Amino acid sequence: MMNRVLSHPHQRPRGTILHEMLITLTVSVVVLTGVAHLMVFTGQQRRTMSQQTTAAREAGNLMEGFMTRPWDDVTSEKLSATPLSAACSERLPGAELTVQVDGQSDGDDPAKQIAIEIVWYDSVGRPVSPVRLVAWRYPSTEAQP
């Protein structure tokens, strides 16, 4: 009489659990790496959007101030001397302000175009797409006291 060892029908071959664990570990590492890259990308996008918002607000605030200046003070030389705010300089690495005023006199309709541009640099020193704001300034028609 031969002794036969009957295997249980639900018994797994040796090493199956080890293989399953390695596959699960590999899939987990791939998924976690993808999530980590997504988090880094999302953080960079948030920082970029925050910087764009800061630059746009700064340009708007500067333009508002420029529009209230006397007509004769609205020149490239005088407006370019305006510094960026401390908050803007702190949030935008290497921020630079450029102001250009172009005058136009078409007969009875004199006007000055004021262009503000704020440029800054990313974490590796590349210039980021600048924020640019342009407005037209007309002389006051009210009598000066």
N, C-alpha and C. Protein backbone atom coordinates (compact mmCIF):
# COMPACT_ATOMS: atom_id res chain seq x y z
N MET A 1 0.81 -1.15 0.00
CA MET A 1 0.00 0.00 0.00
C MET A 1 0.88 1.25 0.00
N MET A 2 0.59 2.06 -0.92
CA MET A 2 1.38 3.29 -1.04
C MET A 2 0.71 4.40 -0.26
N ASN A 3 1.57 5.09 0.40
CA ASN A 3 1.04 6.25 1.12
C ASN A 3 1.05 7.45 0.19
N ARG A 4 -0.07 7.92 -0.05
CA ARG A 4 -0.20 9.12 -0.86
C ARG A 4 -0.56 10.27 0.05
N VAL A 5 0.11 11.37 -0.22
CA VAL A 5 -0.22 12.57 0.54
C VAL A 5 -1.19 13.36 -0.32
N LEU A 6 -2.36 13.46 0.17
CA LEU A 6 -3.36 14.22 -0.56
C LEU A 6 -3.25 15.68 -0.15
N SER A 7 -3.11 16.53 -1.12
CA SER A 7 -3.03 17.95 -0.79
C SER A 7 -4.43 18.50 -0.65
N HIS A 8 -4.51 19.44 0.20
CA HIS A 8 -5.78 20.11 0.43
C HIS A 8 -6.11 20.91 -0.81
N PRO A 9 -7.35 20.94 -1.30
CA PRO A 9 -7.67 21.66 -2.54
C PRO A 9 -7.46 23.16 -2.44
N HIS A 10 -7.44 23.73 -1.26
CA HIS A 10 -7.25 25.18 -1.10
C HIS A 10 -5.83 25.55 -0.69
N GLN A 11 -4.96 24.58 -0.68
CA GLN A 11 -3.58 24.83 -0.28
C GLN A 11 -2.83 25.50 -1.43
N ARG A 12 -2.05 26.54 -1.13
CA ARG A 12 -1.31 27.27 -2.14
C ARG A 12 0.08 26.67 -2.29
N PRO A 13 0.63 26.80 -3.50
CA PRO A 13 2.01 26.35 -3.67
C PRO A 13 2.95 27.24 -2.86
N ARG A 14 4.10 26.68 -2.52
CA ARG A 14 5.07 27.41 -1.71
C ARG A 14 5.54 28.68 -2.43
N GLY A 15 5.72 29.77 -1.64
CA GLY A 15 6.23 31.02 -2.17
C GLY A 15 5.18 31.94 -2.76
N THR A 16 3.96 31.51 -2.82
CA THR A 16 2.90 32.34 -3.40
C THR A 16 2.67 33.59 -2.58
N ILE A 17 2.66 33.46 -1.30
CA ILE A 17 2.43 34.62 -0.44
C ILE A 17 3.56 35.64 -0.61
N LEU A 18 4.79 35.16 -0.71
CA LEU A 18 5.93 36.06 -0.92
C LEU A 18 5.79 36.82 -2.23
N HIS A 19 5.39 36.14 -3.29
CA HIS A 19 5.20 36.80 -4.58
C HIS A 19 4.08 37.84 -4.51
N GLU A 20 2.99 37.47 -3.87
CA GLU A 20 1.88 38.41 -3.73
C GLU A 20 2.30 39.64 -2.93
N MET A 21 3.09 39.44 -1.90
CA MET A 21 3.57 40.57 -1.09
C MET A 21 4.48 41.49 -1.92
N LEU A 22 5.36 40.91 -2.73
CA LEU A 22 6.25 41.71 -3.56
C LEU A 22 5.46 42.51 -4.60
N ILE A 23 4.47 41.90 -5.20
CA ILE A 23 3.65 42.60 -6.18
C ILE A 23 2.89 43.74 -5.50
N THR A 24 2.30 43.47 -4.34
CA THR A 24 1.57 44.50 -3.60
C THR A 24 2.50 45.64 -3.20
N LEU A 25 3.70 45.31 -2.76
CA LEU A 25 4.67 46.33 -2.37
C LEU A 25 5.07 47.19 -3.57
N THR A 26 5.29 46.55 -4.71
CA THR A 26 5.66 47.28 -5.93
C THR A 26 4.54 48.23 -6.36
N VAL A 27 3.32 47.74 -6.37
CA VAL A 27 2.19 48.58 -6.76
C VAL A 27 2.04 49.74 -5.78
N SER A 28 2.22 49.47 -4.49
CA SER A 28 2.11 50.53 -3.47
C SER A 28 3.17 51.60 -3.67
N VAL A 29 4.40 51.20 -3.97
CA VAL A 29 5.48 52.16 -4.19
C VAL A 29 5.19 53.02 -5.42
N VAL A 30 4.71 52.41 -6.48
CA VAL A 30 4.38 53.16 -7.70
C VAL A 30 3.27 54.17 -7.42
N VAL A 31 2.23 53.75 -6.72
CA VAL A 31 1.12 54.65 -6.40
C VAL A 31 1.59 55.78 -5.50
N LEU A 32 2.37 55.47 -4.46
CA LEU A 32 2.85 56.51 -3.55
C LEU A 32 3.79 57.49 -4.25
N THR A 33 4.61 57.00 -5.17
CA THR A 33 5.48 57.89 -5.94
C THR A 33 4.65 58.83 -6.80
N GLY A 34 3.61 58.30 -7.43
CA GLY A 34 2.72 59.14 -8.24
C GLY A 34 2.03 60.20 -7.40
N VAL A 35 1.56 59.81 -6.22
CA VAL A 35 0.90 60.76 -5.32
C VAL A 35 1.89 61.84 -4.86
N ALA A 36 3.13 61.43 -4.55
CA ALA A 36 4.14 62.41 -4.12
C ALA A 36 4.43 63.41 -5.23
N HIS A 37 4.56 62.94 -6.47
CA HIS A 37 4.80 63.85 -7.60
C HIS A 37 3.61 64.80 -7.79
N LEU A 38 2.42 64.29 -7.63
CA LEU A 38 1.23 65.11 -7.76
C LEU A 38 1.19 66.19 -6.67
N MET A 39 1.57 65.84 -5.46
CA MET A 39 1.59 66.81 -4.37
C MET A 39 2.63 67.90 -4.62
N VAL A 40 3.81 67.51 -5.11
CA VAL A 40 4.85 68.51 -5.42
C VAL A 40 4.37 69.43 -6.53
N PHE A 41 3.78 68.88 -7.59
CA PHE A 41 3.28 69.68 -8.70
C PHE A 41 2.19 70.63 -8.23
N THR A 42 1.28 70.13 -7.40
CA THR A 42 0.20 70.97 -6.87
C THR A 42 0.77 72.11 -6.03
N GLY A 43 1.76 71.82 -5.21
CA GLY A 43 2.39 72.86 -4.40
C GLY A 43 3.04 73.94 -5.26
N GLN A 44 3.71 73.51 -6.33
CA GLN A 44 4.34 74.48 -7.23
C GLN A 44 3.29 75.35 -7.91
N GLN A 45 2.18 74.75 -8.32
CA GLN A 45 1.11 75.50 -8.98
C GLN A 45 0.48 76.50 -8.01
N ARG A 46 0.28 76.08 -6.77
CA ARG A 46 -0.27 77.01 -5.77
C ARG A 46 0.65 78.19 -5.54
N ARG A 47 1.96 77.92 -5.45
CA ARG A 47 2.93 78.98 -5.23
C ARG A 47 2.93 79.94 -6.43
N THR A 48 2.88 79.39 -7.64
CA THR A 48 2.85 80.23 -8.85
C THR A 48 1.60 81.10 -8.88
N MET A 49 0.46 80.53 -8.57
CA MET A 49 -0.79 81.30 -8.56
C MET A 49 -0.76 82.38 -7.48
N SER A 50 -0.21 82.06 -6.33
CA SER A 50 -0.10 83.05 -5.25
C SER A 50 0.81 84.21 -5.69
N GLN A 51 1.90 83.89 -6.35
CA GLN A 51 2.80 84.93 -6.83
C GLN A 51 2.14 85.78 -7.91
N GLN A 52 1.40 85.14 -8.82
CA GLN A 52 0.69 85.90 -9.86
C GLN A 52 -0.32 86.85 -9.24
N THR A 53 -1.03 86.37 -8.22
CA THR A 53 -2.02 87.21 -7.54
C THR A 53 -1.34 88.38 -6.84
N THR A 54 -0.22 88.12 -6.17
CA THR A 54 0.52 89.19 -5.50
C THR A 54 0.98 90.24 -6.51
N ALA A 55 1.51 89.80 -7.64
CA ALA A 55 2.00 90.74 -8.67
C ALA A 55 0.84 91.54 -9.26
N ALA A 56 -0.29 90.89 -9.51
CA ALA A 56 -1.44 91.60 -10.07
C ALA A 56 -1.98 92.64 -9.10
N ARG A 57 -2.05 92.29 -7.82
CA ARG A 57 -2.50 93.27 -6.82
C ARG A 57 -1.54 94.44 -6.71
N GLU A 58 -0.25 94.14 -6.73
CA GLU A 58 0.75 95.20 -6.65
C GLU A 58 0.64 96.14 -7.85
N ALA A 59 0.50 95.57 -9.05
CA ALA A 59 0.36 96.40 -10.25
C ALA A 59 -0.90 97.26 -10.16
N GLY A 60 -1.99 96.69 -9.69
CA GLY A 60 -3.23 97.45 -9.54
C GLY A 60 -3.09 98.58 -8.54
N ASN A 61 -2.46 98.30 -7.40
CA ASN A 61 -2.25 99.34 -6.39
C ASN A 61 -1.36 100.45 -6.92
N LEU A 62 -0.30 100.08 -7.62
CA LEU A 62 0.59 101.10 -8.19
C LEU A 62 -0.15 101.95 -9.22
N MET A 63 -0.92 101.30 -10.08
CA MET A 63 -1.64 102.05 -11.11
C MET A 63 -2.64 103.01 -10.48
N GLU A 64 -3.30 102.56 -9.45
CA GLU A 64 -4.26 103.44 -8.76
C GLU A 64 -3.56 104.68 -8.23
N GLY A 65 -2.38 104.50 -7.65
CA GLY A 65 -1.62 105.64 -7.15
C GLY A 65 -1.13 106.54 -8.28
N PHE A 66 -0.71 105.94 -9.39
CA PHE A 66 -0.23 106.72 -10.52
C PHE A 66 -1.34 107.58 -11.12
N MET A 67 -2.54 107.07 -11.13
CA MET A 67 -3.66 107.79 -11.73
C MET A 67 -4.07 109.01 -10.92
N THR A 68 -3.70 109.06 -9.65
CA THR A 68 -4.06 110.20 -8.81
C THR A 68 -2.97 111.28 -8.78
N ARG A 69 -1.85 111.01 -9.40
CA ARG A 69 -0.76 112.00 -9.40
C ARG A 69 -1.08 113.16 -10.33
N PRO A 70 -0.48 114.30 -10.06
CA PRO A 70 -0.67 115.44 -10.97
C PRO A 70 -0.18 115.08 -12.38
N TRP A 71 -0.81 115.69 -13.38
CA TRP A 71 -0.52 115.40 -14.78
C TRP A 71 0.97 115.49 -15.11
N ASP A 72 1.63 116.51 -14.60
CA ASP A 72 3.05 116.72 -14.91
C ASP A 72 3.96 115.70 -14.24
N ASP A 73 3.46 115.01 -13.20
CA ASP A 73 4.26 113.99 -12.52
C ASP A 73 4.13 112.60 -13.16
N VAL A 74 3.29 112.50 -14.17
CA VAL A 74 3.10 111.21 -14.84
C VAL A 74 4.10 111.11 -15.99
N THR A 75 5.34 110.75 -15.62
CA THR A 75 6.41 110.55 -16.59
C THR A 75 7.11 109.23 -16.24
N SER A 76 7.76 108.65 -17.22
CA SER A 76 8.49 107.39 -16.99
C SER A 76 9.53 107.56 -15.89
N GLU A 77 10.25 108.68 -15.91
CA GLU A 77 11.32 108.90 -14.93
C GLU A 77 10.77 108.97 -13.51
N LYS A 78 9.71 109.72 -13.31
CA LYS A 78 9.16 109.90 -11.96
C LYS A 78 8.47 108.63 -11.46
N LEU A 79 7.72 107.96 -12.32
CA LEU A 79 6.98 106.77 -11.88
C LEU A 79 7.91 105.57 -11.69
N SER A 80 8.99 105.49 -12.45
CA SER A 80 9.92 104.37 -12.31
C SER A 80 10.66 104.39 -10.97
N ALA A 81 10.69 105.56 -10.35
CA ALA A 81 11.37 105.67 -9.05
C ALA A 81 10.53 105.09 -7.91
N THR A 82 9.29 104.71 -8.19
CA THR A 82 8.41 104.15 -7.18
C THR A 82 8.86 102.74 -6.84
N PRO A 83 9.08 102.46 -5.55
CA PRO A 83 9.52 101.10 -5.18
C PRO A 83 8.33 100.14 -5.07
N LEU A 84 8.62 98.87 -5.18
CA LEU A 84 7.61 97.84 -4.92
C LEU A 84 7.38 97.78 -3.41
N SER A 85 6.21 97.35 -3.00
CA SER A 85 5.93 97.24 -1.57
C SER A 85 6.80 96.15 -0.95
N ALA A 86 6.97 96.22 0.36
CA ALA A 86 7.78 95.22 1.06
C ALA A 86 7.17 93.83 0.92
N ALA A 87 5.84 93.75 0.99
CA ALA A 87 5.16 92.44 0.86
C ALA A 87 5.41 91.84 -0.51
N CYS A 88 5.37 92.66 -1.54
CA CYS A 88 5.59 92.18 -2.90
C CYS A 88 7.04 91.72 -3.07
N SER A 89 7.98 92.51 -2.59
CA SER A 89 9.40 92.15 -2.70
C SER A 89 9.71 90.87 -1.95
N GLU A 90 9.01 90.66 -0.84
CA GLU A 90 9.23 89.46 -0.03
C GLU A 90 8.67 88.21 -0.71
N ARG A 91 7.52 88.33 -1.35
CA ARG A 91 6.86 87.16 -1.95
C ARG A 91 7.35 86.83 -3.36
N LEU A 92 7.91 87.83 -4.04
CA LEU A 92 8.36 87.61 -5.41
C LEU A 92 9.88 87.74 -5.49
N PRO A 93 10.59 86.62 -5.56
CA PRO A 93 12.06 86.65 -5.56
C PRO A 93 12.62 87.45 -6.73
N GLY A 94 13.45 88.43 -6.41
CA GLY A 94 14.09 89.24 -7.44
C GLY A 94 13.15 90.09 -8.25
N ALA A 95 12.02 90.49 -7.66
CA ALA A 95 11.01 91.25 -8.39
C ALA A 95 11.57 92.58 -8.90
N GLU A 96 11.20 92.90 -10.13
CA GLU A 96 11.63 94.14 -10.76
C GLU A 96 10.42 94.85 -11.35
N LEU A 97 10.35 96.14 -11.13
CA LEU A 97 9.25 96.96 -11.64
C LEU A 97 9.75 97.79 -12.81
N THR A 98 8.98 97.77 -13.90
CA THR A 98 9.25 98.62 -15.05
C THR A 98 8.00 99.45 -15.31
N VAL A 99 8.19 100.76 -15.43
CA VAL A 99 7.07 101.65 -15.73
C VAL A 99 7.45 102.46 -16.97
N GLN A 100 6.54 102.46 -17.93
CA GLN A 100 6.78 103.23 -19.15
C GLN A 100 5.56 104.10 -19.42
N VAL A 101 5.81 105.38 -19.69
CA VAL A 101 4.74 106.33 -20.01
C VAL A 101 4.98 106.84 -21.42
N ASP A 102 3.98 106.67 -22.25
CA ASP A 102 4.03 107.17 -23.62
C ASP A 102 2.95 108.23 -23.78
N GLY A 103 3.35 109.42 -24.19
CA GLY A 103 2.40 110.51 -24.38
C GLY A 103 1.86 110.52 -25.79
N GLN A 104 0.67 111.07 -25.90
CA GLN A 104 0.03 111.17 -27.21
C GLN A 104 -0.77 112.46 -27.23
N SER A 105 -0.60 113.21 -28.25
CA SER A 105 -1.38 114.43 -28.41
C SER A 105 -2.05 114.42 -29.77
N ASP A 106 -3.30 114.09 -29.79
CA ASP A 106 -4.08 114.09 -31.02
C ASP A 106 -5.03 115.28 -30.99
N GLY A 107 -4.52 116.42 -31.25
CA GLY A 107 -5.36 117.63 -31.27
C GLY A 107 -5.92 117.94 -29.90
N ASP A 108 -7.22 117.78 -29.76
CA ASP A 108 -7.90 118.13 -28.51
C ASP A 108 -7.93 116.98 -27.51
N ASP A 109 -7.31 115.87 -27.81
CA ASP A 109 -7.41 114.69 -26.96
C ASP A 109 -6.04 114.20 -26.50
N PRO A 110 -5.37 114.97 -25.62
CA PRO A 110 -4.06 114.50 -25.12
C PRO A 110 -4.27 113.33 -24.15
N ALA A 111 -3.37 112.37 -24.18
CA ALA A 111 -3.46 111.22 -23.28
C ALA A 111 -2.07 110.67 -23.03
N LYS A 112 -1.94 109.95 -21.92
CA LYS A 112 -0.69 109.26 -21.60
C LYS A 112 -1.02 107.80 -21.32
N GLN A 113 -0.27 106.93 -21.97
CA GLN A 113 -0.43 105.50 -21.71
C GLN A 113 0.60 105.10 -20.67
N ILE A 114 0.12 104.51 -19.57
CA ILE A 114 1.00 104.06 -18.49
C ILE A 114 1.02 102.54 -18.52
N ALA A 115 2.21 101.97 -18.68
CA ALA A 115 2.38 100.52 -18.71
C ALA A 115 3.25 100.10 -17.53
N ILE A 116 2.70 99.22 -16.70
CA ILE A 116 3.43 98.68 -15.54
C ILE A 116 3.72 97.22 -15.82
N GLU A 117 4.95 96.81 -15.57
CA GLU A 117 5.31 95.39 -15.71
C GLU A 117 6.11 94.97 -14.49
N ILE A 118 5.72 93.83 -13.91
CA ILE A 118 6.43 93.28 -12.76
C ILE A 118 6.95 91.90 -13.17
N VAL A 119 8.26 91.73 -13.07
CA VAL A 119 8.93 90.48 -13.41
C VAL A 119 9.58 89.94 -12.15
N TRP A 120 9.56 88.62 -11.98
CA TRP A 120 10.26 87.97 -10.87
C TRP A 120 10.77 86.63 -11.36
N TYR A 121 11.45 85.89 -10.48
CA TYR A 121 12.14 84.67 -10.89
C TYR A 121 11.68 83.48 -10.04
N ASP A 122 11.69 82.28 -10.66
CA ASP A 122 11.28 81.09 -9.92
C ASP A 122 12.45 80.58 -9.07
N SER A 123 12.25 79.43 -8.45
CA SER A 123 13.23 78.91 -7.49
C SER A 123 14.57 78.52 -8.14
N VAL A 124 14.60 78.32 -9.45
CA VAL A 124 15.86 77.98 -10.12
C VAL A 124 16.44 79.17 -10.90
N GLY A 125 15.85 80.35 -10.72
CA GLY A 125 16.39 81.56 -11.32
C GLY A 125 15.87 81.89 -12.71
N ARG A 126 14.85 81.19 -13.18
CA ARG A 126 14.27 81.52 -14.49
C ARG A 126 13.19 82.58 -14.31
N PRO A 127 13.12 83.54 -15.25
CA PRO A 127 12.05 84.55 -15.14
C PRO A 127 10.68 83.91 -15.34
N VAL A 128 9.75 84.33 -14.50
CA VAL A 128 8.36 83.86 -14.59
C VAL A 128 7.63 84.81 -15.53
N SER A 129 6.58 84.32 -16.15
CA SER A 129 5.79 85.16 -17.04
C SER A 129 5.35 86.42 -16.28
N PRO A 130 5.70 87.60 -16.78
CA PRO A 130 5.43 88.83 -16.03
C PRO A 130 3.95 89.21 -16.00
N VAL A 131 3.64 90.07 -15.04
CA VAL A 131 2.31 90.67 -14.96
C VAL A 131 2.43 92.06 -15.56
N ARG A 132 1.52 92.38 -16.46
CA ARG A 132 1.56 93.68 -17.15
C ARG A 132 0.18 94.31 -17.06
N LEU A 133 0.17 95.59 -16.72
CA LEU A 133 -1.07 96.35 -16.62
C LEU A 133 -0.88 97.66 -17.37
N VAL A 134 -1.86 97.99 -18.20
CA VAL A 134 -1.79 99.21 -19.02
C VAL A 134 -3.06 100.02 -18.80
N ALA A 135 -2.89 101.34 -18.66
CA ALA A 135 -4.03 102.24 -18.50
C ALA A 135 -3.74 103.54 -19.24
N TRP A 136 -4.81 104.24 -19.56
CA TRP A 136 -4.69 105.55 -20.20
C TRP A 136 -5.04 106.62 -19.19
N ARG A 137 -4.24 107.68 -19.18
CA ARG A 137 -4.49 108.79 -18.27
C ARG A 137 -4.74 110.03 -19.12
N TYR A 138 -5.84 110.73 -18.79
CA TYR A 138 -6.18 111.96 -19.48
C TYR A 138 -6.05 113.11 -18.49
N PRO A 139 -5.71 114.29 -18.99
CA PRO A 139 -5.58 115.42 -18.07
C PRO A 139 -6.94 115.79 -17.48
N SER A 140 -6.90 116.31 -16.29
CA SER A 140 -8.13 116.72 -15.63
C SER A 140 -8.72 117.92 -16.36
N THR A 141 -10.03 117.92 -16.53
CA THR A 141 -10.69 119.03 -17.19
C THR A 141 -11.24 120.02 -16.18
N GLU A 142 -11.09 119.69 -14.90
CA GLU A 142 -11.58 120.58 -13.84
C GLU A 142 -10.58 121.72 -13.63
N ALA A 143 -11.07 122.84 -13.23
CA ALA A 143 -10.20 123.98 -12.95
C ALA A 143 -9.40 123.69 -11.69
N GLN A 144 -8.10 123.97 -11.76
CA GLN A 144 -7.21 123.75 -10.61
C GLN A 144 -7.33 124.93 -9.66
N PRO A 145 -7.42 124.69 -8.33
CA PRO A 145 -7.54 125.81 -7.36
C PRO A 145 -6.26 126.59 -7.23
